[in-house]
Amino acid sequence: MIELITILLAKIIEVSLTTLRMVFVSKGEKRLASVIGFVEVTIWLKVASVVLVNINEHPAKMFVYALGFAIGNYIGLTIEDKLGLGYSKIQIITDIDNGEDLANSIRELGRAVTIIKGEGRDTKKAVLTTYVRRKDKDDLLKKIDANKVGIVTVSETQKIYGGFGIK
């Protein structure tokens, strides 16, 4: 029983690290991703070697290994979401009349925002673009009521060079 619990916990840790490593790779954090990768593979080698020994006599090892994999994905994504690493680009397309007021509201929150004038099918539009830390994204989105402003899109940004208003 202790062996099964150890397999489960080690697999959860290993897959959680895998998830975080992939986030660091996507953010360009080479050193941290490499260190995490070393620890991750070391755990994987040990867990795999334990699971494969007498696997036919102890099929519960396969189930526990797979369960640890599933739980590790969930926990890794939860940790990554809480850390909120990196930046998000928020783009808002709204009627030209709302654009300036919305931009001022965003600026009152201490955020930089750029306004570009555009044309929609029937009306003039304002396209607002701002960048925020991912962990601050939800706070800003709560202040923007998408039903009233138009279209709001959020995309991940790897790095930002220059500019201001990112805290």
Foldseek 3Di string as FASTA:
>chain_A
DVLLVVLLVLLLVLLLLVLVLVVCVLLVVVVVSVVSVVVSVVSVVVSVVSCPVPCVVPVVSVVSNVNSNVNSNVVSVVVCLQVQAAKKKKKFKFAPVCVVVLQVVCVVVQWHKDWDWADDPPGIIIIIITMERRNCVVVSVVVDDCVHGPDMDMDTDSDDDDDDSYD
